[in-house]
Amino acid sequence: MTTRICFTAFFPVAAMLMIPIFFMSPVPAVFAGIDEAQAAYDRGDFARAYKEFKSLAEHGVAEAQNNLGAMLANGLGGPKNLPEAVKWFRGAAEQGNVTAQKNLGYMYANGLGVPGDFSEAAKWYHRAAEQGNVYAQNNLGALYGEGLGVPKNNAEAEKWFRRASDQGLAEAQQNLAVLLQGEGRNLLSESAGKNRRIEEIPLEKRAGVYMVPVRINGSLTLSFILDTGASEVNISADVVARLLLTGAIDKADFLPGLAYRMADGNIVKSSRLKLRLLEVGGVKISEVTASIVPGTGSLLLGQSFLGRLQSWSLDNQRNVLRIGG
């Protein structure tokens, strides 16, 4: 019986009606227009963003080349043009841009703008995977698991699935479990010993509340208020915008809103989403429900995270959060 390994679905096509290509937020660059291009994209002025990114891309700026490719692949700022998107992804990928390498691998794997070629897909996934790109690691593992573009090699598949799993990617964790089950091994028994340790996370006390560093979807680390009275994790709208921009979340992650009764009796309807992974210290919890608060509201680590822990406690003398199991 063939063991089926799943590729990571970056953005579900049915939900987005867009090609699943990551748009990378640019790092500081010598070209002054990079900030203007980013600002135009942020406010939805795609025509202006396209023009600015194209100018920068033609001057060889790798981040702009990748972003221009993403806009062309999704038809933002102009007509969709997959071969042209591939051209710009390639330009950025050859400069070592990890997001473009993953995007180019995806184009070859799916025959988008180029003839489908799993060997080329494996080459570019491998380059991105070596740089730590979690999605490329998972997809490279899938190629090895199925023998697509590379010789079938379960040891290599396991290696790359483990690397992506260790970064918290749910699809990779599922793929690793499927692979190990096919080999008669048990992922739970392998990890049981690790899960017995006690994690101690230093807390910062500000204005009478404890602040704890939380990493969101392996992308962004921010300080959250430890709030045992909050039913859900709270995340602000501006943080959601940053996560959308970098591809750390997509539209498929959003949930229908719920109505909450506030302490003053008012009813507030809150937008909600499911965060793929929250990390506190070395503890990782996947699929955490969060409420979105307007603007730059407070970030709260509530019961949708804390309630998933086997045990936890506060050491008020040492200002430490202790998580067990």
Protein backbone atom coordinates (compact mmCIF):
# COMPACT_ATOMS: atom_id res chain seq x y z
CA MET A 1 0.00 0.00 0.00
CA THR A 2 1.34 3.41 -0.94
CA THR A 3 1.73 5.91 1.88
CA ARG A 4 0.34 9.25 0.71
CA ILE A 5 2.22 12.35 1.80
CA CYS A 6 0.49 15.73 1.57
CA PHE A 7 2.02 18.92 0.26
CA THR A 8 1.57 22.07 2.29
CA ALA A 9 -1.36 24.16 1.05
CA PHE A 10 0.00 27.66 1.49
CA PHE A 11 -3.29 29.47 0.83
CA PRO A 12 -6.32 27.34 -0.04
CA VAL A 13 -7.31 28.23 -3.59
CA ALA A 14 -11.01 27.80 -2.93
CA ALA A 15 -10.89 30.29 -0.10
CA MET A 16 -8.56 32.81 -1.68
CA LEU A 17 -9.13 32.38 -5.42
CA MET A 18 -5.45 33.21 -5.62
CA ILE A 19 -2.28 31.31 -6.39
CA PRO A 20 -0.66 30.35 -3.07
CA ILE A 21 2.44 32.51 -3.30
CA PHE A 22 3.95 34.29 -0.32
CA PHE A 23 4.39 38.05 -0.44
CA MET A 24 7.53 38.89 1.49
CA SER A 25 7.82 42.02 3.56
CA PRO A 26 11.00 43.77 2.42
CA VAL A 27 14.01 44.25 4.62
CA PRO A 28 15.70 47.68 4.72
CA ALA A 29 17.23 48.45 1.33
CA VAL A 30 19.37 51.19 -0.20
CA PHE A 31 16.63 52.10 -2.65
CA ALA A 32 14.40 54.75 -1.14
CA GLY A 33 11.32 53.48 -3.01
CA ILE A 34 11.05 50.24 -1.06
CA ASP A 35 9.18 51.94 1.78
CA GLU A 36 6.84 53.70 -0.63
CA ALA A 37 6.12 50.44 -2.43
CA GLN A 38 5.39 48.69 0.85
CA ALA A 39 3.16 51.52 2.07
CA ALA A 40 1.19 51.47 -1.19
CA TYR A 41 0.67 47.72 -0.88
CA ASP A 42 -0.41 48.05 2.74
CA ARG A 43 -3.15 50.55 1.89
CA GLY A 44 -4.37 48.48 -1.07
CA ASP A 45 -2.98 50.77 -3.80
CA PHE A 46 -1.75 47.82 -5.84
CA ALA A 47 -1.20 49.81 -9.04
CA ARG A 48 1.25 52.10 -7.23
CA ALA A 49 2.88 49.19 -5.39
CA TYR A 50 3.30 47.31 -8.67
CA LYS A 51 4.98 50.32 -10.29
CA GLU A 52 7.34 50.86 -7.35
CA PHE A 53 8.26 47.19 -6.96
CA LYS A 54 8.83 46.86 -10.71
CA SER A 55 11.26 49.78 -10.70
CA LEU A 56 13.17 48.29 -7.78
CA ALA A 57 13.06 44.80 -9.29
CA GLU A 58 14.60 46.10 -12.50
CA HIS A 59 17.44 47.49 -10.36
CA GLY A 60 18.07 44.03 -8.95
CA VAL A 61 16.46 44.30 -5.48
CA ALA A 62 15.67 40.67 -4.60
CA GLU A 63 12.82 41.42 -2.17
CA ALA A 64 11.14 43.61 -4.77
CA GLN A 65 11.60 40.93 -7.44
CA ASN A 66 9.88 38.36 -5.22
CA ASN A 67 7.05 40.75 -4.34
CA LEU A 68 6.56 41.72 -7.97
CA GLY A 69 6.38 38.02 -8.85
CA ALA A 70 3.74 37.50 -6.16
CA MET A 71 1.66 40.38 -7.51
CA LEU A 72 1.91 39.03 -11.06
CA ALA A 73 1.02 35.52 -9.91
CA ASN A 74 -2.10 36.79 -8.14
CA GLY A 75 -3.12 39.49 -10.61
CA LEU A 76 -2.60 42.40 -8.21
CA GLY A 77 -1.85 45.77 -9.79
CA GLY A 78 -2.20 44.38 -13.28
CA PRO A 79 -3.19 41.29 -15.28
CA LYS A 80 -2.15 37.90 -13.95
CA ASN A 81 0.98 36.75 -15.78
CA LEU A 82 2.43 33.47 -14.55
CA PRO A 83 5.47 33.24 -16.90
CA GLU A 84 6.44 36.80 -15.91
CA ALA A 85 5.97 35.89 -12.24
CA VAL A 86 8.34 32.94 -12.71
CA LYS A 87 10.90 35.28 -14.27
CA TRP A 88 10.97 37.55 -11.23
CA PHE A 89 10.88 34.70 -8.74
CA ARG A 90 13.89 33.23 -10.51
CA GLY A 91 15.77 36.52 -10.37
CA ALA A 92 15.24 36.78 -6.62
CA ALA A 93 15.83 33.08 -6.01
CA GLU A 94 19.18 33.15 -7.78
CA GLN A 95 20.20 35.96 -5.41
CA GLY A 96 19.43 33.67 -2.47
CA ASN A 97 16.03 35.07 -1.48
CA VAL A 98 14.50 32.20 0.50
CA THR A 99 10.84 33.14 -0.11
CA ALA A 100 11.42 33.38 -3.86
CA GLN A 101 13.18 30.00 -3.84
CA LYS A 102 10.16 28.43 -2.17
CA ASN A 103 7.79 30.24 -4.56
CA LEU A 104 9.78 29.12 -7.61
CA GLY A 105 9.73 25.53 -6.35
CA TYR A 106 5.96 25.78 -5.98
CA MET A 107 5.58 27.05 -9.56
CA TYR A 108 7.60 24.12 -10.94
CA ALA A 109 5.82 21.57 -8.75
CA ASN A 110 2.42 22.74 -10.00
CA GLY A 111 3.29 23.66 -13.59
CA LEU A 112 2.39 27.33 -13.14
CA GLY A 113 4.00 29.56 -15.75
CA VAL A 114 6.49 26.81 -16.58
CA PRO A 115 6.17 23.15 -17.56
CA GLY A 116 5.75 21.01 -14.45
CA ASP A 117 9.14 19.70 -13.35
CA PHE A 118 9.53 17.99 -9.97
CA SER A 119 13.32 17.88 -10.36
CA GLU A 120 13.45 21.68 -10.61
CA ALA A 121 10.92 21.97 -7.80
CA ALA A 122 13.11 19.79 -5.59
CA LYS A 123 16.18 21.90 -6.40
CA TRP A 124 14.55 25.16 -5.34
CA TYR A 125 12.73 23.64 -2.36
CA HIS A 126 16.06 22.24 -1.20
CA ARG A 127 17.75 25.65 -1.33
CA ALA A 128 14.91 27.25 0.64
CA ALA A 129 14.73 24.33 3.07
CA GLU A 130 18.43 24.62 3.86
CA GLN A 131 17.77 28.24 4.81
CA GLY A 132 15.08 27.12 7.23
CA ASN A 133 11.90 27.81 5.23
CA VAL A 134 9.34 25.58 6.95
CA TYR A 135 7.03 25.20 3.92
CA ALA A 136 9.89 24.25 1.61
CA GLN A 137 11.07 21.70 4.19
CA ASN A 138 7.64 20.07 4.29
CA ASN A 139 7.24 20.03 0.52
CA LEU A 140 10.75 18.67 -0.01
CA GLY A 141 9.90 15.91 2.46
CA ALA A 142 6.78 15.17 0.41
CA LEU A 143 8.85 14.87 -2.78
CA TYR A 144 11.19 12.38 -1.10
CA GLY A 145 8.24 10.51 0.41
CA GLU A 146 6.61 10.08 -3.00
CA GLY A 147 9.78 9.83 -5.11
CA LEU A 148 8.87 12.87 -7.23
CA GLY A 149 11.86 14.55 -8.91
CA VAL A 150 14.17 12.77 -6.46
CA PRO A 151 14.69 9.09 -5.59
CA LYS A 152 12.15 7.86 -3.04
CA ASN A 153 13.93 8.06 0.29
CA ASN A 154 11.99 7.79 3.54
CA ALA A 155 15.01 8.77 5.63
CA GLU A 156 15.31 12.07 3.73
CA ALA A 157 11.54 12.57 3.91
CA GLU A 158 11.65 12.04 7.67
CA LYS A 159 14.55 14.46 8.06
CA TRP A 160 12.75 17.31 6.34
CA PHE A 161 9.38 16.59 7.93
CA ARG A 162 11.07 16.63 11.33
CA ARG A 163 12.72 19.97 10.65
CA ALA A 164 9.38 21.50 9.65
CA SER A 165 7.60 19.77 12.55
CA ASP A 166 10.10 21.19 15.02
CA GLN A 167 9.08 24.66 13.80
CA GLY A 168 5.46 23.78 14.53
CA LEU A 169 4.04 23.30 11.03
CA ALA A 170 0.89 21.20 11.50
CA GLU A 171 0.98 19.71 7.98
CA ALA A 172 4.55 18.50 8.51
CA GLN A 173 3.62 16.96 11.86
CA GLN A 174 0.79 15.10 10.15
CA ASN A 175 3.06 13.99 7.31
CA LEU A 176 5.68 12.77 9.76
CA ALA A 177 3.08 10.77 11.67
CA VAL A 178 1.82 9.18 8.41
CA LEU A 179 5.36 8.32 7.37
CA LEU A 180 6.25 6.77 10.72
CA GLN A 181 3.00 4.80 10.87
CA GLY A 182 3.84 3.40 7.44
CA GLU A 183 7.12 2.19 8.91
CA GLY A 184 5.44 0.72 12.00
CA ARG A 185 6.76 3.41 14.34
CA ASN A 186 4.91 5.59 16.84
CA LEU A 187 5.59 9.33 16.96
CA LEU A 188 3.82 9.68 20.30
CA SER A 189 6.05 7.17 22.05
CA GLU A 190 9.14 8.81 20.58
CA SER A 191 8.17 12.20 21.97
CA ALA A 192 6.73 11.05 25.32
CA GLY A 193 9.99 11.54 27.17
CA LYS A 194 10.41 15.09 25.91
CA ASN A 195 6.91 16.07 27.00
CA ARG A 196 7.52 15.36 30.69
CA ARG A 197 9.88 18.28 31.23
CA ILE A 198 9.01 21.49 33.05
CA GLU A 199 9.47 24.73 31.13
CA GLU A 200 10.19 27.93 33.04
CA ILE A 201 9.53 31.17 31.17
CA PRO A 202 10.72 34.46 32.71
CA LEU A 203 7.98 37.08 32.99
CA GLU A 204 8.20 40.85 32.96
CA LYS A 205 5.96 42.76 35.35
CA ARG A 206 4.53 46.01 33.98
CA ALA A 207 1.93 48.14 35.76
CA GLY A 208 0.89 45.21 37.92
CA VAL A 209 0.46 42.65 35.11
CA TYR A 210 2.73 39.89 33.86
CA MET A 211 4.03 40.06 30.29
CA VAL A 212 5.15 36.91 28.50
CA PRO A 213 6.89 36.64 25.09
CA VAL A 214 4.79 34.68 22.59
CA ARG A 215 5.81 33.63 19.09
CA ILE A 216 2.95 33.61 16.57
CA ASN A 217 2.94 31.12 13.66
CA GLY A 218 6.73 30.91 13.77
CA SER A 219 6.88 34.43 12.38
CA LEU A 220 6.51 37.18 14.98
CA THR A 221 7.39 37.35 18.70
CA LEU A 222 5.46 39.86 20.84
CA SER A 223 4.77 40.47 24.54
CA PHE A 224 1.32 39.30 25.71
CA ILE A 225 -0.43 40.01 28.99
CA LEU A 226 -0.89 36.76 30.92
CA ASP A 227 -4.65 36.95 31.51
CA THR A 228 -6.18 33.90 33.18
CA GLY A 229 -9.62 35.55 33.07
CA ALA A 230 -9.70 35.94 29.28
CA SER A 231 -11.61 33.13 27.59
CA GLU A 232 -9.52 33.42 24.44
CA VAL A 233 -6.21 34.75 23.27
CA ASN A 234 -6.65 38.37 22.13
CA ILE A 235 -4.68 39.74 19.21
CA SER A 236 -4.85 43.29 17.86
CA ALA A 237 -5.90 44.27 14.34
CA ASP A 238 -2.55 45.87 13.57
CA VAL A 239 -0.73 42.62 14.45
CA VAL A 240 -3.17 40.70 12.23
CA ALA A 241 -2.29 43.07 9.37
CA ARG A 242 1.42 42.39 9.88
CA LEU A 243 0.86 38.63 9.88
CA LEU A 244 -1.22 38.85 6.70
CA LEU A 245 1.45 40.88 4.98
CA THR A 246 4.21 38.37 5.68
CA GLY A 247 2.07 35.37 4.76
CA ALA A 248 2.04 34.02 8.33
CA ILE A 249 -1.79 33.90 8.18
CA ASP A 250 -4.28 33.93 5.31
CA LYS A 251 -8.01 34.37 4.82
CA ALA A 252 -8.70 30.70 5.50
CA ASP A 253 -7.55 31.22 9.10
CA PHE A 254 -10.42 33.61 9.92
CA LEU A 255 -13.46 32.37 11.84
CA PRO A 256 -17.02 33.71 12.22
CA GLY A 257 -17.27 36.35 14.95
CA LEU A 258 -18.78 35.72 18.39
CA ALA A 259 -20.68 38.14 20.64
CA TYR A 260 -19.16 38.85 24.07
CA ARG A 261 -20.81 40.51 27.06
CA MET A 262 -18.43 43.04 28.62
CA ALA A 263 -18.19 43.88 32.32
CA ASP A 264 -20.30 47.00 31.75
CA GLY A 265 -23.08 44.94 30.16
CA ASN A 266 -22.38 46.04 26.56
CA ILE A 267 -22.37 43.39 23.84
CA VAL A 268 -19.34 43.45 21.52
CA LYS A 269 -19.00 41.32 18.41
CA SER A 270 -15.41 40.27 17.87
CA SER A 271 -13.75 38.95 14.74
CA ARG A 272 -11.85 35.75 15.41
CA LEU A 273 -9.22 33.61 13.77
CA LYS A 274 -7.35 30.41 14.38
CA LEU A 275 -3.61 30.82 14.93
CA ARG A 276 -1.71 27.86 13.55
CA LEU A 277 0.92 27.88 16.28
CA LEU A 278 1.66 29.76 19.49
CA GLU A 279 5.00 29.21 21.23
CA VAL A 280 5.80 30.19 24.81
CA GLY A 281 9.35 29.22 25.68
CA GLY A 282 9.75 25.68 24.32
CA VAL A 283 6.03 24.91 24.56
CA LYS A 284 4.07 24.86 21.30
CA ILE A 285 0.29 24.72 20.96
CA SER A 286 -1.28 24.50 17.51
CA GLU A 287 -4.69 25.66 16.28
CA VAL A 288 -5.30 28.28 18.97
CA THR A 289 -8.50 30.35 18.69
CA ALA A 290 -8.00 34.10 19.11
CA SER A 291 -10.25 37.18 19.17
CA ILE A 292 -9.24 40.25 17.16
CA VAL A 293 -9.42 43.55 19.04
CA PRO A 294 -9.48 46.89 17.17
CA GLY A 295 -6.40 48.94 16.37
CA THR A 296 -3.44 48.42 18.66
CA GLY A 297 -5.39 46.89 21.54
CA SER A 298 -3.81 44.75 24.25
CA LEU A 299 -2.49 41.29 23.40
CA LEU A 300 -3.82 38.76 25.93
CA LEU A 301 -2.71 35.18 26.50
CA GLY A 302 -6.01 33.67 27.61
CA GLN A 303 -7.63 30.30 28.21
CA SER A 304 -7.74 29.17 24.57
CA PHE A 305 -3.97 28.71 25.09
CA LEU A 306 -3.64 28.19 28.85
CA GLY A 307 -6.52 25.70 28.97
CA ARG A 308 -4.69 23.48 26.48
CA LEU A 309 -1.70 23.01 28.79
CA GLN A 310 -1.46 19.88 30.93
CA SER A 311 -0.44 22.03 33.88
CA TRP A 312 0.94 25.48 34.57
CA SER A 313 1.64 27.71 37.56
CA LEU A 314 3.03 31.11 38.50
CA ASP A 315 6.07 31.58 40.69
CA ASN A 316 5.41 35.10 42.00
CA GLN A 317 8.65 35.22 43.93
CA ARG A 318 10.80 34.58 40.88
CA ASN A 319 8.43 36.08 38.25
CA VAL A 320 8.38 32.84 36.30
CA LEU A 321 5.65 30.95 34.41
CA ARG A 322 6.09 27.18 34.94
CA ILE A 323 4.55 24.87 32.31
CA GLY A 324 4.59 21.12 32.85
CA GLY A 325 3.82 18.18 30.59
